[in-house]
Amino acid sequence: DWLYAVPAIGSGFTIVRVNRIFRIHRMFQFFRHTENHTNFPNVFRSVILILFISLIIHWNACFYFLISKAIGFGTDSWVYPGIEGQNATTGPYSELSRQYLVSLYWSTLTLTTIGEVPGPVLEGEYVFVIVDFLVGVLIFATI
């Protein structure tokens, strides 16, 4: 955490903050303690389940955006859209909130198996969508 405060090191290297992952056990310890001492353990479990599902949907949206960026924005119907010569860095799709909402919308539709999203075109897109469908099925199998 201290290295992140140094401008020469921390300004472009957010990987320096990855050491925080080692403290994740404290979060699970808090969850166990709270579940044991609350008057409504089922409500608490439901909130935790919603939290984890939201986190998985968020991560999936980030991966979708990264894969779209690697393939090229707007190059086919599956990736993050581009409009008539404009890509995701210029035009109406360049706003950060719009990028996140479109990616989150795609991720939610895919993981909840609602569908109605454009089909994949490339082999890498097929692999990603297959993994997404399996993760979505596993999420709802655990509920």
C-alpha atoms as a PDB file:
ATOM      1  CA  ASP A   1       0.000   0.000   0.000  1.00  0.00           C
ATOM      2  CA  TRP A   2       2.844   2.392   0.720  1.00  0.00           C
ATOM      3  CA  LEU A   3       4.419   1.852  -2.700  1.00  0.00           C
ATOM      4  CA  TYR A   4       1.184   2.939  -4.354  1.00  0.00           C
ATOM      5  CA  ALA A   5       1.556   6.367  -2.717  1.00  0.00           C
ATOM      6  CA  VAL A   6       4.880   6.989  -4.466  1.00  0.00           C
ATOM      7  CA  PRO A   7       3.992   8.793  -7.741  1.00  0.00           C
ATOM      8  CA  ALA A   8       6.788   7.185  -9.770  1.00  0.00           C
ATOM      9  CA  ILE A   9       5.672   3.692  -8.779  1.00  0.00           C
ATOM     10  CA  GLY A  10       1.982   3.858  -8.018  1.00  0.00           C
ATOM     11  CA  SER A  11       0.585   6.134 -10.708  1.00  0.00           C
ATOM     12  CA  GLY A  12       0.486   3.537 -13.447  1.00  0.00           C
ATOM     13  CA  PHE A  13       0.958   0.300 -11.564  1.00  0.00           C
ATOM     14  CA  THR A  14      -2.203  -0.685  -9.745  1.00  0.00           C
ATOM     15  CA  ILE A  15      -0.777  -4.189  -9.466  1.00  0.00           C
ATOM     16  CA  VAL A  16       1.093  -2.889  -6.418  1.00  0.00           C
ATOM     17  CA  ARG A  17      -2.212  -3.037  -4.551  1.00  0.00           C
ATOM     18  CA  VAL A  18      -2.707  -6.752  -5.213  1.00  0.00           C
ATOM     19  CA  ASN A  19      -1.363  -7.583  -1.749  1.00  0.00           C
ATOM     20  CA  ARG A  20      -4.787  -6.675  -0.389  1.00  0.00           C
ATOM     21  CA  ILE A  21      -6.068 -10.022  -1.628  1.00  0.00           C
ATOM     22  CA  PHE A  22      -4.204 -11.673   1.229  1.00  0.00           C
ATOM     23  CA  ARG A  23      -6.648 -10.027   3.655  1.00  0.00           C
ATOM     24  CA  ILE A  24      -9.707 -11.641   2.109  1.00  0.00           C
ATOM     25  CA  HIS A  25      -9.869 -14.227   4.900  1.00  0.00           C
ATOM     26  CA  ARG A  26     -10.894 -11.426   7.256  1.00  0.00           C
ATOM     27  CA  MET A  27     -13.974 -10.760   5.136  1.00  0.00           C
ATOM     28  CA  PHE A  28     -15.038 -14.415   5.304  1.00  0.00           C
ATOM     29  CA  GLN A  29     -14.357 -14.427   9.038  1.00  0.00           C
ATOM     30  CA  PHE A  30     -16.642 -11.389   9.377  1.00  0.00           C
ATOM     31  CA  PHE A  31     -19.355 -13.153   7.357  1.00  0.00           C
ATOM     32  CA  ARG A  32     -19.212 -16.254   9.570  1.00  0.00           C
ATOM     33  CA  HIS A  33     -19.266 -14.182  12.756  1.00  0.00           C
ATOM     34  CA  THR A  34     -22.164 -12.014  11.585  1.00  0.00           C
ATOM     35  CA  GLU A  35     -24.181 -15.013  10.391  1.00  0.00           C
ATOM     36  CA  ASN A  36     -23.775 -16.711  13.773  1.00  0.00           C
ATOM     37  CA  HIS A  37     -24.753 -13.631  15.766  1.00  0.00           C
ATOM     38  CA  THR A  38     -27.593 -12.168  13.743  1.00  0.00           C
ATOM     39  CA  ASN A  39     -31.295 -12.649  14.409  1.00  0.00           C
ATOM     40  CA  PHE A  40     -31.961 -13.195  10.700  1.00  0.00           C
ATOM     41  CA  PRO A  41     -29.296 -15.562   9.319  1.00  0.00           C
ATOM     42  CA  ASN A  42     -31.305 -16.433   6.201  1.00  0.00           C
ATOM     43  CA  VAL A  43     -31.611 -12.791   5.209  1.00  0.00           C
ATOM     44  CA  PHE A  44     -27.884 -12.364   5.748  1.00  0.00           C
ATOM     45  CA  ARG A  45     -27.140 -15.433   3.586  1.00  0.00           C
ATOM     46  CA  SER A  46     -29.381 -14.049   0.839  1.00  0.00           C
ATOM     47  CA  VAL A  47     -27.585 -10.708   0.903  1.00  0.00           C
ATOM     48  CA  ILE A  48     -24.198 -12.467   0.696  1.00  0.00           C
ATOM     49  CA  LEU A  49     -25.432 -14.569  -2.227  1.00  0.00           C
ATOM     50  CA  ILE A  50     -26.596 -11.462  -4.073  1.00  0.00           C
ATOM     51  CA  LEU A  51     -23.245  -9.829  -3.323  1.00  0.00           C
ATOM     52  CA  PHE A  52     -21.306 -12.752  -4.823  1.00  0.00           C
ATOM     53  CA  ILE A  53     -23.555 -12.968  -7.890  1.00  0.00           C
ATOM     54  CA  SER A  54     -23.144  -9.222  -8.464  1.00  0.00           C
ATOM     55  CA  LEU A  55     -19.385  -9.589  -8.158  1.00  0.00           C
ATOM     56  CA  ILE A  56     -19.311 -12.409 -10.715  1.00  0.00           C
ATOM     57  CA  ILE A  57     -21.469 -10.380 -13.117  1.00  0.00           C
ATOM     58  CA  HIS A  58     -19.140  -7.379 -12.651  1.00  0.00           C
ATOM     59  CA  TRP A  59     -15.992  -9.448 -13.331  1.00  0.00           C
ATOM     60  CA  ASN A  60     -17.633 -10.991 -16.381  1.00  0.00           C
ATOM     61  CA  ALA A  61     -18.523  -7.536 -17.712  1.00  0.00           C
ATOM     62  CA  CYS A  62     -14.908  -6.453 -17.279  1.00  0.00           C
ATOM     63  CA  PHE A  63     -13.664  -9.538 -19.130  1.00  0.00           C
ATOM     64  CA  TYR A  64     -16.184  -8.905 -21.924  1.00  0.00           C
ATOM     65  CA  PHE A  65     -14.919  -5.353 -22.331  1.00  0.00           C
ATOM     66  CA  LEU A  66     -11.263  -6.493 -22.301  1.00  0.00           C
ATOM     67  CA  ILE A  67     -11.929  -9.175 -24.905  1.00  0.00           C
ATOM     68  CA  SER A  68     -13.817  -6.648 -27.035  1.00  0.00           C
ATOM     69  CA  LYS A  69     -10.883  -4.266 -26.772  1.00  0.00           C
ATOM     70  CA  ALA A  70      -8.432  -7.007 -27.782  1.00  0.00           C
ATOM     71  CA  ILE A  71     -10.539  -8.021 -30.786  1.00  0.00           C
ATOM     72  CA  GLY A  72     -11.359  -4.450 -31.753  1.00  0.00           C
ATOM     73  CA  PHE A  73     -14.397  -2.406 -30.820  1.00  0.00           C
ATOM     74  CA  GLY A  74     -17.199  -2.696 -33.361  1.00  0.00           C
ATOM     75  CA  THR A  75     -15.364  -5.180 -35.610  1.00  0.00           C
ATOM     76  CA  ASP A  76     -18.196  -7.724 -35.457  1.00  0.00           C
ATOM     77  CA  SER A  77     -21.662  -7.958 -33.955  1.00  0.00           C
ATOM     78  CA  TRP A  78     -20.528  -9.642 -30.721  1.00  0.00           C
ATOM     79  CA  VAL A  79     -17.909  -7.192 -29.412  1.00  0.00           C
ATOM     80  CA  TYR A  80     -18.555  -3.885 -27.689  1.00  0.00           C
ATOM     81  CA  PRO A  81     -20.217  -1.640 -30.279  1.00  0.00           C
ATOM     82  CA  GLY A  82     -18.759   1.059 -32.441  1.00  0.00           C
ATOM     83  CA  ILE A  83     -20.918   3.411 -34.500  1.00  0.00           C
ATOM     84  CA  GLU A  84     -20.183   4.172 -38.158  1.00  0.00           C
ATOM     85  CA  GLY A  85     -16.448   4.589 -38.046  1.00  0.00           C
ATOM     86  CA  GLN A  86     -16.420   5.571 -34.380  1.00  0.00           C
ATOM     87  CA  ASN A  87     -15.059   3.155 -31.837  1.00  0.00           C
ATOM     88  CA  ALA A  88     -15.444   2.922 -28.074  1.00  0.00           C
ATOM     89  CA  THR A  89     -12.893   5.673 -27.468  1.00  0.00           C
ATOM     90  CA  THR A  90     -14.761   8.358 -29.425  1.00  0.00           C
ATOM     91  CA  GLY A  91     -18.418   9.118 -29.916  1.00  0.00           C
ATOM     92  CA  PRO A  92     -21.448   8.163 -27.832  1.00  0.00           C
ATOM     93  CA  TYR A  93     -19.905   4.918 -26.567  1.00  0.00           C
ATOM     94  CA  SER A  94     -16.799   6.608 -25.179  1.00  0.00           C
ATOM     95  CA  GLU A  95     -18.221   7.596 -21.786  1.00  0.00           C
ATOM     96  CA  LEU A  96     -17.041   5.374 -18.951  1.00  0.00           C
ATOM     97  CA  SER A  97     -20.532   5.013 -17.516  1.00  0.00           C
ATOM     98  CA  ARG A  98     -21.907   3.943 -20.914  1.00  0.00           C
ATOM     99  CA  GLN A  99     -19.072   1.434 -21.392  1.00  0.00           C
ATOM    100  CA  TYR A 100     -19.703  -0.098 -17.983  1.00  0.00           C
ATOM    101  CA  LEU A 101     -23.494  -0.195 -18.327  1.00  0.00           C
ATOM    102  CA  VAL A 102     -23.418  -1.821 -21.780  1.00  0.00           C
ATOM    103  CA  SER A 103     -20.871  -4.396 -20.587  1.00  0.00           C
ATOM    104  CA  LEU A 104     -22.829  -5.054 -17.385  1.00  0.00           C
ATOM    105  CA  TYR A 105     -26.056  -5.395 -19.376  1.00  0.00           C
ATOM    106  CA  TRP A 106     -24.431  -7.920 -21.726  1.00  0.00           C
ATOM    107  CA  SER A 107     -22.975  -9.828 -18.787  1.00  0.00           C
ATOM    108  CA  THR A 108     -26.287  -9.941 -16.926  1.00  0.00           C
ATOM    109  CA  LEU A 109     -28.175 -11.200 -19.972  1.00  0.00           C
ATOM    110  CA  THR A 110     -25.561 -13.858 -20.630  1.00  0.00           C
ATOM    111  CA  LEU A 111     -25.100 -15.157 -17.085  1.00  0.00           C
ATOM    112  CA  THR A 112     -28.814 -15.240 -16.329  1.00  0.00           C
ATOM    113  CA  THR A 113     -29.285 -17.144 -19.612  1.00  0.00           C
ATOM    114  CA  ILE A 114     -31.911 -14.688 -20.787  1.00  0.00           C
ATOM    115  CA  GLY A 115     -29.993 -14.433 -24.030  1.00  0.00           C
ATOM    116  CA  GLU A 116     -31.029 -12.006 -26.768  1.00  0.00           C
ATOM    117  CA  VAL A 117     -27.424 -10.880 -27.202  1.00  0.00           C
ATOM    118  CA  PRO A 118     -25.612 -11.089 -30.531  1.00  0.00           C
ATOM    119  CA  GLY A 119     -24.065 -14.465 -31.183  1.00  0.00           C
ATOM    120  CA  PRO A 120     -20.301 -14.927 -31.187  1.00  0.00           C
ATOM    121  CA  VAL A 121     -18.391 -14.839 -34.469  1.00  0.00           C
ATOM    122  CA  LEU A 122     -14.796 -15.812 -33.678  1.00  0.00           C
ATOM    123  CA  GLU A 123     -13.560 -18.950 -31.938  1.00  0.00           C
ATOM    124  CA  GLY A 124     -12.352 -17.029 -28.876  1.00  0.00           C
ATOM    125  CA  GLU A 125     -15.772 -15.438 -28.549  1.00  0.00           C
ATOM    126  CA  TYR A 126     -17.398 -18.881 -28.669  1.00  0.00           C
ATOM    127  CA  VAL A 127     -15.130 -20.148 -25.893  1.00  0.00           C
ATOM    128  CA  PHE A 128     -15.892 -17.115 -23.717  1.00  0.00           C
ATOM    129  CA  VAL A 129     -19.659 -17.449 -24.242  1.00  0.00           C
ATOM    130  CA  ILE A 130     -19.575 -21.196 -23.507  1.00  0.00           C
ATOM    131  CA  VAL A 131     -17.722 -20.546 -20.238  1.00  0.00           C
ATOM    132  CA  ASP A 132     -20.228 -17.786 -19.424  1.00  0.00           C
ATOM    133  CA  PHE A 133     -23.175 -20.094 -20.000  1.00  0.00           C
ATOM    134  CA  LEU A 134     -21.621 -22.762 -17.778  1.00  0.00           C
ATOM    135  CA  VAL A 135     -20.924 -20.228 -15.033  1.00  0.00           C
ATOM    136  CA  GLY A 136     -24.507 -18.958 -15.316  1.00  0.00           C
ATOM    137  CA  VAL A 137     -25.900 -22.476 -15.017  1.00  0.00           C
ATOM    138  CA  LEU A 138     -23.696 -23.167 -11.995  1.00  0.00           C
ATOM    139  CA  ILE A 139     -24.775 -19.926 -10.330  1.00  0.00           C
ATOM    140  CA  PHE A 140     -28.422 -20.817 -10.603  1.00  0.00           C
ATOM    141  CA  ALA A 141     -27.804 -24.433  -9.659  1.00  0.00           C
ATOM    142  CA  THR A 142     -26.388 -23.240  -6.333  1.00  0.00           C
ATOM    143  CA  ILE A 143     -29.458 -21.152  -5.593  1.00  0.00           C
END
